[in-house]
Amino acid sequence: MSLTRQDVEKVALLARLQLTDDELAVMTEQLTQIVGYVDQLAEVDTDGVEPMAHAVEVANVFADDEVRPSLPREAALANAPRRNDRGYLVPAVLGE
């Protein structure tokens, strides 16, 4: 499948990218190569291959929970632009 300049312009518009004419030419060529590679992958026989979430077997990737001392409040708030004795002060979002 070959992408046209108009296809790339539409993708750039949807992504809110402002591309120059030179950038559009480069992106058109590069995206055409990427789509061509994906088309090549579609030709691979995958009958009998189970779908998977990871390319390699992943087991127990999380560390065990253990209780440890946390960062002292003063240290956590040290670089805050606005704070009080309890936490960060931020502008109200949902009213006052």
C-alpha atoms as a PDB file:
ATOM      1  CA  MET A   1       0.000   0.000   0.000  1.00  0.00           C
ATOM      2  CA  SER A   2       1.305   3.420  -0.894  1.00  0.00           C
ATOM      3  CA  LEU A   3       0.369   6.549   0.998  1.00  0.00           C
ATOM      4  CA  THR A   4      -0.316   9.786  -0.805  1.00  0.00           C
ATOM      5  CA  ARG A   5       0.724  13.238   0.274  1.00  0.00           C
ATOM      6  CA  GLN A   6      -2.950  13.928   1.053  1.00  0.00           C
ATOM      7  CA  ASP A   7      -3.010  10.923   3.429  1.00  0.00           C
ATOM      8  CA  VAL A   8      -0.012  12.289   5.316  1.00  0.00           C
ATOM      9  CA  GLU A   9      -1.502  15.790   5.378  1.00  0.00           C
ATOM     10  CA  LYS A  10      -4.681  14.355   6.936  1.00  0.00           C
ATOM     11  CA  VAL A  11      -2.704  12.442   9.568  1.00  0.00           C
ATOM     12  CA  ALA A  12      -0.673  15.578  10.333  1.00  0.00           C
ATOM     13  CA  LEU A  13      -3.891  17.574  10.684  1.00  0.00           C
ATOM     14  CA  LEU A  14      -5.389  14.987  13.057  1.00  0.00           C
ATOM     15  CA  ALA A  15      -2.157  14.994  15.081  1.00  0.00           C
ATOM     16  CA  ARG A  16      -2.140  18.801  15.045  1.00  0.00           C
ATOM     17  CA  LEU A  17       1.265  18.911  13.369  1.00  0.00           C
ATOM     18  CA  GLN A  18       2.323  21.719  11.093  1.00  0.00           C
ATOM     19  CA  LEU A  19       4.701  20.258   8.513  1.00  0.00           C
ATOM     20  CA  THR A  20       6.605  22.097   5.820  1.00  0.00           C
ATOM     21  CA  ASP A  21       6.546  20.878   2.219  1.00  0.00           C
ATOM     22  CA  ASP A  22       9.944  19.224   2.712  1.00  0.00           C
ATOM     23  CA  GLU A  23       8.786  17.529   5.918  1.00  0.00           C
ATOM     24  CA  LEU A  24       5.626  16.305   4.177  1.00  0.00           C
ATOM     25  CA  ALA A  25       7.725  14.751   1.423  1.00  0.00           C
ATOM     26  CA  VAL A  26       9.987  12.993   3.929  1.00  0.00           C
ATOM     27  CA  MET A  27       7.047  11.836   6.069  1.00  0.00           C
ATOM     28  CA  THR A  28       5.208  10.503   3.038  1.00  0.00           C
ATOM     29  CA  GLU A  29       8.216   8.399   2.061  1.00  0.00           C
ATOM     30  CA  GLN A  30       8.876   7.167   5.597  1.00  0.00           C
ATOM     31  CA  LEU A  31       5.259   6.319   6.383  1.00  0.00           C
ATOM     32  CA  THR A  32       4.938   4.494   3.042  1.00  0.00           C
ATOM     33  CA  GLN A  33       7.931   2.341   4.046  1.00  0.00           C
ATOM     34  CA  ILE A  34       6.381   1.625   7.468  1.00  0.00           C
ATOM     35  CA  VAL A  35       3.027   0.651   5.968  1.00  0.00           C
ATOM     36  CA  GLY A  36       4.856  -1.531   3.444  1.00  0.00           C
ATOM     37  CA  TYR A  37       6.601  -3.349   6.268  1.00  0.00           C
ATOM     38  CA  VAL A  38       3.283  -3.935   8.049  1.00  0.00           C
ATOM     39  CA  ASP A  39       1.852  -5.278   4.770  1.00  0.00           C
ATOM     40  CA  GLN A  40       4.815  -7.651   4.631  1.00  0.00           C
ATOM     41  CA  LEU A  41       3.999  -8.906   8.136  1.00  0.00           C
ATOM     42  CA  ALA A  42       0.419  -9.615   7.045  1.00  0.00           C
ATOM     43  CA  GLU A  43       1.770 -12.224   4.616  1.00  0.00           C
ATOM     44  CA  VAL A  44       3.159 -14.392   7.438  1.00  0.00           C
ATOM     45  CA  ASP A  45       1.194 -17.592   8.090  1.00  0.00           C
ATOM     46  CA  THR A  46      -0.111 -17.323  11.661  1.00  0.00           C
ATOM     47  CA  ASP A  47      -2.496 -20.279  11.636  1.00  0.00           C
ATOM     48  CA  GLY A  48      -2.205 -22.150  14.914  1.00  0.00           C
ATOM     49  CA  VAL A  49      -0.327 -19.348  16.646  1.00  0.00           C
ATOM     50  CA  GLU A  50      -1.993 -18.251  19.873  1.00  0.00           C
ATOM     51  CA  PRO A  51      -2.355 -14.495  20.411  1.00  0.00           C
ATOM     52  CA  MET A  52      -0.083 -13.132  23.107  1.00  0.00           C
ATOM     53  CA  ALA A  53       0.284  -9.948  25.118  1.00  0.00           C
ATOM     54  CA  HIS A  54       4.099 -10.063  25.234  1.00  0.00           C
ATOM     55  CA  ALA A  55       6.737 -11.257  22.789  1.00  0.00           C
ATOM     56  CA  VAL A  56       8.475 -13.196  25.567  1.00  0.00           C
ATOM     57  CA  GLU A  57       7.068 -15.053  28.558  1.00  0.00           C
ATOM     58  CA  VAL A  58       6.653 -12.658  31.465  1.00  0.00           C
ATOM     59  CA  ALA A  59       6.002 -13.892  34.972  1.00  0.00           C
ATOM     60  CA  ASN A  60       5.877 -12.034  38.281  1.00  0.00           C
ATOM     61  CA  VAL A  61       7.319  -8.751  37.080  1.00  0.00           C
ATOM     62  CA  PHE A  62       6.206  -6.954  40.237  1.00  0.00           C
ATOM     63  CA  ALA A  63       8.225  -6.733  43.428  1.00  0.00           C
ATOM     64  CA  ASP A  64       6.668  -7.907  46.671  1.00  0.00           C
ATOM     65  CA  ASP A  65       5.004  -5.200  48.736  1.00  0.00           C
ATOM     66  CA  GLU A  66       6.960  -4.384  51.836  1.00  0.00           C
ATOM     67  CA  VAL A  67       6.518  -1.684  54.428  1.00  0.00           C
ATOM     68  CA  ARG A  68       9.336   0.867  54.396  1.00  0.00           C
ATOM     69  CA  PRO A  69       9.744   4.336  55.820  1.00  0.00           C
ATOM     70  CA  SER A  70       8.408   6.967  53.448  1.00  0.00           C
ATOM     71  CA  LEU A  71       9.898  10.299  52.439  1.00  0.00           C
ATOM     72  CA  PRO A  72       9.465  12.870  55.221  1.00  0.00           C
ATOM     73  CA  ARG A  73       6.743  15.418  54.460  1.00  0.00           C
ATOM     74  CA  GLU A  74       9.150  18.378  54.601  1.00  0.00           C
ATOM     75  CA  ALA A  75      11.468  16.732  52.069  1.00  0.00           C
ATOM     76  CA  ALA A  76       8.552  15.911  49.747  1.00  0.00           C
ATOM     77  CA  LEU A  77       7.287  19.501  49.876  1.00  0.00           C
ATOM     78  CA  ALA A  78      10.717  21.168  49.784  1.00  0.00           C
ATOM     79  CA  ASN A  79      10.581  22.202  46.099  1.00  0.00           C
ATOM     80  CA  ALA A  80       6.853  22.947  45.907  1.00  0.00           C
ATOM     81  CA  PRO A  81       6.148  26.464  44.586  1.00  0.00           C
ATOM     82  CA  ARG A  82       3.120  26.783  46.907  1.00  0.00           C
ATOM     83  CA  ARG A  83       2.454  24.663  49.960  1.00  0.00           C
ATOM     84  CA  ASN A  84       1.161  24.716  53.504  1.00  0.00           C
ATOM     85  CA  ASP A  85       2.019  22.487  56.465  1.00  0.00           C
ATOM     86  CA  ARG A  86      -0.115  19.633  55.065  1.00  0.00           C
ATOM     87  CA  GLY A  87       0.560  19.508  51.311  1.00  0.00           C
ATOM     88  CA  TYR A  88       0.771  21.174  47.916  1.00  0.00           C
ATOM     89  CA  LEU A  89      -1.402  24.188  47.130  1.00  0.00           C
ATOM     90  CA  VAL A  90      -2.846  24.204  43.619  1.00  0.00           C
ATOM     91  CA  PRO A  91      -5.441  26.371  41.852  1.00  0.00           C
ATOM     92  CA  ALA A  92      -9.049  25.292  42.329  1.00  0.00           C
ATOM     93  CA  VAL A  93     -10.363  23.275  39.374  1.00  0.00           C
ATOM     94  CA  LEU A  94     -13.959  22.587  40.330  1.00  0.00           C
ATOM     95  CA  GLY A  95     -14.717  25.827  42.124  1.00  0.00           C
ATOM     96  CA  GLU A  96     -13.883  27.114  45.556  1.00  0.00           C
END
